[in-house]
Amino acid sequence: MTAVGNRDAFSACHPIVNFVYFAFVIGFSMTHTHPGALAVSLVCAVSYGVYLGGGKAARQGLLFLLPMMLFATVLNIAFNHRGGTILTYLPSGNPLTLESILYGAAAAVMLAAVISWFLGCFNQVMSTDKLIYLFGRAVPALALVFSMSLRFVPRFRAHIRVISDAQKCIGRDVSDGNLFQKAKHGVRILSMMVTWALENAIEIADSMKSRGYGLPGRAAFSIYRFDRRDRRMLAWISLCGVYVAAGTALGGLYHRYLPTYRADWNIYTVSILLAYLALGMAPLILNLREDLLWKKIRRIESTT
């Protein structure tokens, strides 16, 4: 577990505030392909992810994101030859166009930003308790499945590490033996993991059913309170998000990649991108404010 619960003030906000924030930033990341919006989305996602996970998470993220972005760009160039600005011709005879490079780079940045928001930020902030609190009464089955799905990847990685270490102690790890034996050991470990995952899902479902989860009129304990800080954060996030959405609908982020590249960079476009930046950096701004306030309190306490 990261230091989310210890130092991230945004994670301590009400689940509605967290959900509205991620709904805006992830939704914009998946729909906005203006180069400025893509840059803002990726910078905000990586910055917040680094704050939540630390330097180790940043290195692991870069080792994963950079090759993926390069592969996505090259893949688009290999299959997309449209565009009016021909730079050269490939050995196959197909043209290499500036528009295909820019479009591939935009698709790669969008993919990296969405993955960063989900894996580096959303999974760290939106816990199972928050998802159950938000959707448990409206759609209890969907809320349970969604929360289990989000927890599956980190729990799967942690448990497969435990099984691999145990198998390594008896010489049955994927690094032991010849190629056939390594494959056999890998299949055995995978079989153990699939069995564990299925049994765990059944146990969780039975446990929730025995507790009366999803029954009409069932009361639920909640530790969340919607206080003044949450109201301010929700107002700020909503204001920035609505401005970006309205600006996009009015054509403030006009751009195209084909047949020729064009992107608007007027004052209105810059104002939308600044609002988008203020939206994406809202958790970091809140954390900075809380850190400064905490340092001020500590300074006052040390002088008294």
Protein backbone atom coordinates (compact mmCIF):
# COMPACT_ATOMS: atom_id res chain seq x y z
CA MET A 1 0.00 0.00 0.00
CA THR A 2 1.21 3.51 -0.78
CA ALA A 3 1.13 6.53 1.45
CA VAL A 4 -2.33 7.51 0.19
CA GLY A 5 -4.04 7.18 3.51
CA ASN A 6 -1.23 9.00 5.33
CA ARG A 7 -0.57 12.10 3.29
CA ASP A 8 -3.01 12.42 0.40
CA ALA A 9 -5.67 14.90 1.49
CA PHE A 10 -7.74 14.32 -1.65
CA SER A 11 -8.18 10.64 -0.78
CA ALA A 12 -9.72 11.76 2.51
CA CYS A 13 -12.41 13.75 0.70
CA HIS A 14 -15.95 12.46 0.34
CA PRO A 15 -16.35 9.62 -2.22
CA ILE A 16 -18.68 11.79 -4.32
CA VAL A 17 -15.89 14.36 -4.72
CA ASN A 18 -13.40 11.67 -5.72
CA PHE A 19 -15.80 10.06 -8.18
CA VAL A 20 -16.83 13.31 -9.87
CA TYR A 21 -13.17 14.26 -10.26
CA PHE A 22 -12.21 10.97 -11.90
CA ALA A 23 -15.35 11.00 -14.05
CA PHE A 24 -14.26 14.34 -15.48
CA VAL A 25 -10.54 13.68 -15.96
CA ILE A 26 -10.90 10.13 -17.30
CA GLY A 27 -13.82 11.12 -19.52
CA PHE A 28 -11.88 14.07 -20.95
CA SER A 29 -8.77 11.90 -21.40
CA MET A 30 -10.72 9.42 -23.51
CA THR A 31 -12.50 12.01 -25.67
CA HIS A 32 -10.12 14.98 -26.06
CA THR A 33 -7.44 14.58 -28.72
CA HIS A 34 -6.34 18.20 -28.98
CA PRO A 35 -2.55 18.15 -28.48
CA GLY A 36 -2.76 20.63 -25.62
CA ALA A 37 -5.46 18.62 -23.85
CA LEU A 38 -3.47 15.41 -24.31
CA ALA A 39 -0.39 17.02 -22.79
CA VAL A 40 -2.37 18.36 -19.82
CA SER A 41 -4.01 14.99 -19.22
CA LEU A 42 -0.75 13.04 -19.28
CA VAL A 43 1.14 15.55 -17.12
CA CYS A 44 -1.61 15.65 -14.50
CA ALA A 45 -2.03 11.86 -14.43
CA VAL A 46 1.70 11.19 -14.10
CA SER A 47 2.17 13.96 -11.52
CA TYR A 48 -0.63 12.74 -9.27
CA GLY A 49 0.44 9.12 -9.75
CA VAL A 50 4.00 9.96 -8.71
CA TYR A 51 2.68 11.80 -5.66
CA LEU A 52 0.63 8.77 -4.65
CA GLY A 53 3.14 6.05 -5.46
CA GLY A 54 6.51 7.73 -5.00
CA GLY A 55 9.69 7.37 -7.03
CA LYS A 56 9.53 3.59 -7.36
CA ALA A 57 6.07 3.76 -8.90
CA ALA A 58 7.26 6.49 -11.26
CA ARG A 59 10.14 4.34 -12.51
CA GLN A 60 7.90 1.32 -12.98
CA GLY A 61 5.33 3.44 -14.78
CA LEU A 62 7.90 4.89 -17.16
CA LEU A 63 9.33 1.46 -17.93
CA PHE A 64 5.83 0.39 -18.93
CA LEU A 65 4.44 3.56 -20.55
CA LEU A 66 7.36 4.63 -22.73
CA PRO A 67 7.71 1.33 -24.68
CA MET A 68 3.93 1.13 -24.99
CA MET A 69 3.72 4.67 -26.40
CA LEU A 70 6.56 3.98 -28.83
CA PHE A 71 4.92 0.74 -29.97
CA ALA A 72 1.53 2.43 -30.48
CA THR A 73 3.13 5.22 -32.52
CA VAL A 74 5.14 2.87 -34.73
CA LEU A 75 2.13 0.59 -35.21
CA ASN A 76 0.03 3.49 -36.47
CA ILE A 77 2.77 4.62 -38.83
CA ALA A 78 3.07 1.10 -40.24
CA PHE A 79 -0.63 0.80 -41.08
CA ASN A 80 -1.80 4.40 -41.53
CA HIS A 81 -0.44 6.16 -44.60
CA ARG A 82 -3.01 8.91 -44.93
CA GLY A 83 -2.12 12.57 -44.81
CA GLY A 84 -1.21 15.39 -47.15
CA THR A 85 2.36 16.06 -45.97
CA ILE A 86 4.59 13.30 -47.34
CA LEU A 87 7.97 13.15 -45.61
CA THR A 88 9.47 10.13 -47.37
CA TYR A 89 8.58 6.68 -48.67
CA LEU A 90 8.94 3.45 -46.73
CA PRO A 91 10.75 0.42 -48.24
CA SER A 92 7.33 -1.07 -48.96
CA GLY A 93 6.53 1.91 -51.17
CA ASN A 94 3.90 3.40 -48.86
CA PRO A 95 4.29 7.07 -47.96
CA LEU A 96 5.35 8.24 -44.51
CA THR A 97 3.26 11.32 -43.71
CA LEU A 98 3.52 13.90 -40.96
CA GLU A 99 -0.16 13.45 -40.15
CA SER A 100 0.22 9.70 -39.53
CA ILE A 101 3.09 10.37 -37.09
CA LEU A 102 1.13 13.03 -35.22
CA TYR A 103 -2.01 10.90 -35.11
CA GLY A 104 -0.06 7.92 -33.83
CA ALA A 105 1.64 10.03 -31.18
CA ALA A 106 -1.73 11.45 -30.08
CA ALA A 107 -3.23 7.97 -29.78
CA ALA A 108 -0.21 6.82 -27.77
CA VAL A 109 -0.42 9.76 -25.38
CA MET A 110 -4.17 9.21 -24.91
CA LEU A 111 -3.63 5.54 -24.12
CA ALA A 112 -0.84 6.34 -21.66
CA ALA A 113 -2.91 9.02 -19.93
CA VAL A 114 -5.97 6.78 -19.50
CA ILE A 115 -3.86 3.92 -18.13
CA SER A 116 -2.07 6.32 -15.76
CA TRP A 117 -5.37 7.69 -14.46
CA PHE A 118 -6.79 4.23 -13.86
CA LEU A 119 -3.79 2.31 -12.54
CA GLY A 120 -1.81 5.10 -10.90
CA CYS A 121 -4.60 7.24 -9.45
CA PHE A 122 -8.11 5.78 -9.55
CA ASN A 123 -7.14 2.43 -8.02
CA GLN A 124 -5.25 4.21 -5.24
CA VAL A 125 -7.99 6.67 -4.29
CA MET A 126 -11.28 4.91 -5.02
CA SER A 127 -11.25 2.06 -2.53
CA THR A 128 -13.79 -0.76 -2.37
CA ASP A 129 -15.56 0.92 0.54
CA LYS A 130 -16.06 4.09 -1.50
CA LEU A 131 -17.47 2.24 -4.49
CA ILE A 132 -19.83 0.23 -2.30
CA TYR A 133 -20.90 3.46 -0.58
CA LEU A 134 -21.65 5.19 -3.90
CA PHE A 135 -23.36 2.38 -5.82
CA GLY A 136 -24.22 -0.23 -3.19
CA ARG A 137 -27.86 0.80 -2.82
CA ALA A 138 -28.61 1.74 -6.42
CA VAL A 139 -26.92 -1.19 -8.21
CA PRO A 140 -25.54 -3.50 -5.51
CA ALA A 141 -24.51 -6.37 -7.79
CA LEU A 142 -22.71 -4.08 -10.24
CA ALA A 143 -21.00 -2.22 -7.40
CA LEU A 144 -19.69 -5.47 -5.93
CA VAL A 145 -18.45 -6.79 -9.28
CA PHE A 146 -16.82 -3.46 -10.12
CA SER A 147 -15.04 -3.23 -6.77
CA MET A 148 -13.84 -6.84 -7.05
CA SER A 149 -12.54 -6.17 -10.57
CA LEU A 150 -10.53 -3.16 -9.46
CA ARG A 151 -9.01 -5.11 -6.58
CA PHE A 152 -8.28 -8.16 -8.72
CA VAL A 153 -5.13 -6.97 -10.50
CA PRO A 154 -3.12 -5.82 -7.43
CA ARG A 155 -4.27 -8.83 -5.36
CA PHE A 156 -3.47 -11.19 -8.25
CA ARG A 157 0.05 -9.75 -8.55
CA ALA A 158 0.66 -9.99 -4.81
CA HIS A 159 -0.63 -13.56 -4.56
CA ILE A 160 1.24 -14.84 -7.61
CA ARG A 161 4.43 -13.47 -6.05
CA VAL A 162 3.72 -15.48 -2.90
CA ILE A 163 3.09 -18.67 -4.88
CA SER A 164 6.18 -18.14 -7.05
CA ASP A 165 8.37 -17.70 -3.96
CA ALA A 166 6.92 -20.87 -2.43
CA GLN A 167 7.48 -22.86 -5.63
CA LYS A 168 11.02 -21.52 -5.92
CA CYS A 169 11.85 -22.97 -2.50
CA ILE A 170 11.07 -26.48 -3.77
CA GLY A 171 12.69 -25.98 -7.19
CA ARG A 172 9.49 -25.62 -9.21
CA ASP A 173 9.68 -21.99 -10.26
CA VAL A 174 9.61 -20.78 -13.88
CA SER A 175 13.35 -20.13 -13.61
CA ASP A 176 14.18 -23.77 -12.75
CA GLY A 177 14.90 -26.58 -15.19
CA ASN A 178 14.91 -26.73 -18.97
CA LEU A 179 12.43 -25.08 -21.31
CA PHE A 180 9.85 -27.86 -20.97
CA GLN A 181 10.12 -27.89 -17.17
CA LYS A 182 9.84 -24.09 -17.00
CA ALA A 183 6.65 -24.18 -19.06
CA LYS A 184 5.28 -26.98 -16.86
CA HIS A 185 6.05 -25.00 -13.69
CA GLY A 186 4.46 -21.88 -15.18
CA VAL A 187 1.28 -23.76 -16.04
CA ARG A 188 1.13 -25.16 -12.52
CA ILE A 189 1.49 -21.69 -10.97
CA LEU A 190 -1.16 -20.31 -13.33
CA SER A 191 -3.52 -23.15 -12.40
CA MET A 192 -3.04 -22.36 -8.72
CA MET A 193 -3.78 -18.69 -9.34
CA VAL A 194 -6.95 -19.38 -11.34
CA THR A 195 -8.20 -21.73 -8.63
CA TRP A 196 -7.46 -19.16 -5.93
CA ALA A 197 -9.19 -16.38 -7.90
CA LEU A 198 -12.36 -18.43 -8.43
CA GLU A 199 -12.51 -19.58 -4.81
CA ASN A 200 -11.90 -16.05 -3.57
CA ALA A 201 -14.71 -14.66 -5.74
CA ILE A 202 -17.13 -17.33 -4.46
CA GLU A 203 -16.14 -16.64 -0.84
CA ILE A 204 -16.68 -12.91 -1.25
CA ALA A 205 -20.08 -13.45 -2.89
CA ASP A 206 -21.19 -15.84 -0.14
CA SER A 207 -19.91 -13.51 2.56
CA MET A 208 -21.78 -10.51 1.17
CA LYS A 209 -24.94 -12.58 0.71
CA SER A 210 -24.81 -13.81 4.32
CA ARG A 211 -24.56 -10.19 5.46
CA GLY A 212 -27.72 -9.28 3.59
CA TYR A 213 -25.94 -7.19 0.97
CA GLY A 214 -28.36 -5.86 -1.63
CA LEU A 215 -31.54 -6.64 0.31
CA PRO A 216 -34.22 -3.90 0.35
CA GLY A 217 -34.14 -1.72 3.43
CA ARG A 218 -30.72 -2.91 4.52
CA ALA A 219 -28.92 -0.26 6.58
CA ALA A 220 -25.26 0.48 5.87
CA PHE A 221 -22.62 1.93 8.15
CA SER A 222 -20.74 4.88 6.69
CA ILE A 223 -17.78 6.87 7.96
CA TYR A 224 -18.05 9.55 5.28
CA ARG A 225 -19.26 13.08 5.99
CA PHE A 226 -19.78 15.80 3.42
CA ASP A 227 -18.13 18.80 5.10
CA ARG A 228 -17.21 22.31 3.99
CA ARG A 229 -13.95 21.24 2.37
CA ASP A 230 -15.83 18.69 0.28
CA ARG A 231 -18.32 21.32 -0.84
CA ARG A 232 -15.51 23.63 -1.92
CA MET A 233 -13.66 20.89 -3.77
CA LEU A 234 -16.83 19.70 -5.51
CA ALA A 235 -17.68 23.25 -6.56
CA TRP A 236 -14.16 23.80 -7.93
CA ILE A 237 -14.07 20.49 -9.78
CA SER A 238 -17.56 21.03 -11.21
CA LEU A 239 -16.79 24.59 -12.30
CA CYS A 240 -13.60 23.58 -14.14
CA GLY A 241 -15.17 20.45 -15.60
CA VAL A 242 -18.27 22.20 -16.90
CA TYR A 243 -16.16 24.99 -18.40
CA VAL A 244 -13.96 22.50 -20.25
CA ALA A 245 -17.00 20.53 -21.46
CA ALA A 246 -18.83 23.67 -22.60
CA GLY A 247 -15.73 25.04 -24.29
CA THR A 248 -15.22 21.79 -26.15
CA ALA A 249 -18.87 21.71 -27.26
CA LEU A 250 -18.54 25.28 -28.57
CA GLY A 251 -15.48 24.38 -30.65
CA GLY A 252 -12.83 25.92 -28.44
CA LEU A 253 -10.55 22.89 -28.85
CA TYR A 254 -10.94 22.50 -32.59
CA HIS A 255 -8.30 20.32 -34.24
CA ARG A 256 -7.85 17.74 -36.94
CA TYR A 257 -5.12 15.30 -37.90
CA LEU A 258 -6.38 14.27 -41.32
CA PRO A 259 -6.11 15.05 -44.18
CA THR A 260 -3.81 17.83 -42.94
CA TYR A 261 -2.91 18.74 -39.38
CA ARG A 262 -4.49 21.78 -37.77
CA ALA A 263 -5.08 22.79 -34.14
CA ASP A 264 -6.44 26.08 -32.79
CA TRP A 265 -4.33 27.94 -30.20
CA ASN A 266 -6.31 31.14 -29.58
CA ILE A 267 -7.09 32.83 -26.25
CA TYR A 268 -10.28 30.82 -25.79
CA THR A 269 -8.38 27.57 -26.37
CA VAL A 270 -5.74 28.57 -23.83
CA SER A 271 -8.42 29.42 -21.25
CA ILE A 272 -9.99 25.96 -21.69
CA LEU A 273 -6.61 24.28 -21.31
CA LEU A 274 -5.90 26.31 -18.17
CA ALA A 275 -9.25 25.23 -16.72
CA TYR A 276 -8.39 21.65 -17.65
CA LEU A 277 -5.02 22.02 -15.92
CA ALA A 278 -6.69 23.47 -12.81
CA LEU A 279 -9.06 20.49 -12.82
CA GLY A 280 -6.32 17.90 -13.22
CA MET A 281 -4.05 19.48 -10.62
CA ALA A 282 -6.84 19.96 -8.04
CA PRO A 283 -5.67 17.06 -5.81
CA LEU A 284 -2.08 18.28 -5.84
CA ILE A 285 -3.18 21.84 -5.08
CA LEU A 286 -5.26 20.57 -2.15
CA ASN A 287 -2.33 18.50 -0.88
CA LEU A 288 0.01 21.48 -1.16
CA ARG A 289 -2.43 23.63 0.79
CA GLU A 290 -2.80 20.96 3.48
CA ASP A 291 0.98 20.51 3.73
CA LEU A 292 1.53 24.25 4.16
CA LEU A 293 -1.20 24.40 6.79
CA TRP A 294 0.30 21.45 8.66
CA LYS A 295 3.78 23.02 8.61
CA LYS A 296 2.31 26.26 9.93
CA ILE A 297 0.62 24.40 12.79
CA ARG A 298 3.83 22.55 13.63
CA ARG A 299 5.76 25.82 13.62
CA ILE A 300 3.25 27.40 16.01
CA GLU A 301 3.40 24.37 18.30
CA SER A 302 7.19 24.42 18.37
CA THR A 303 7.29 28.08 19.40
CA THR A 304 4.80 27.68 22.27
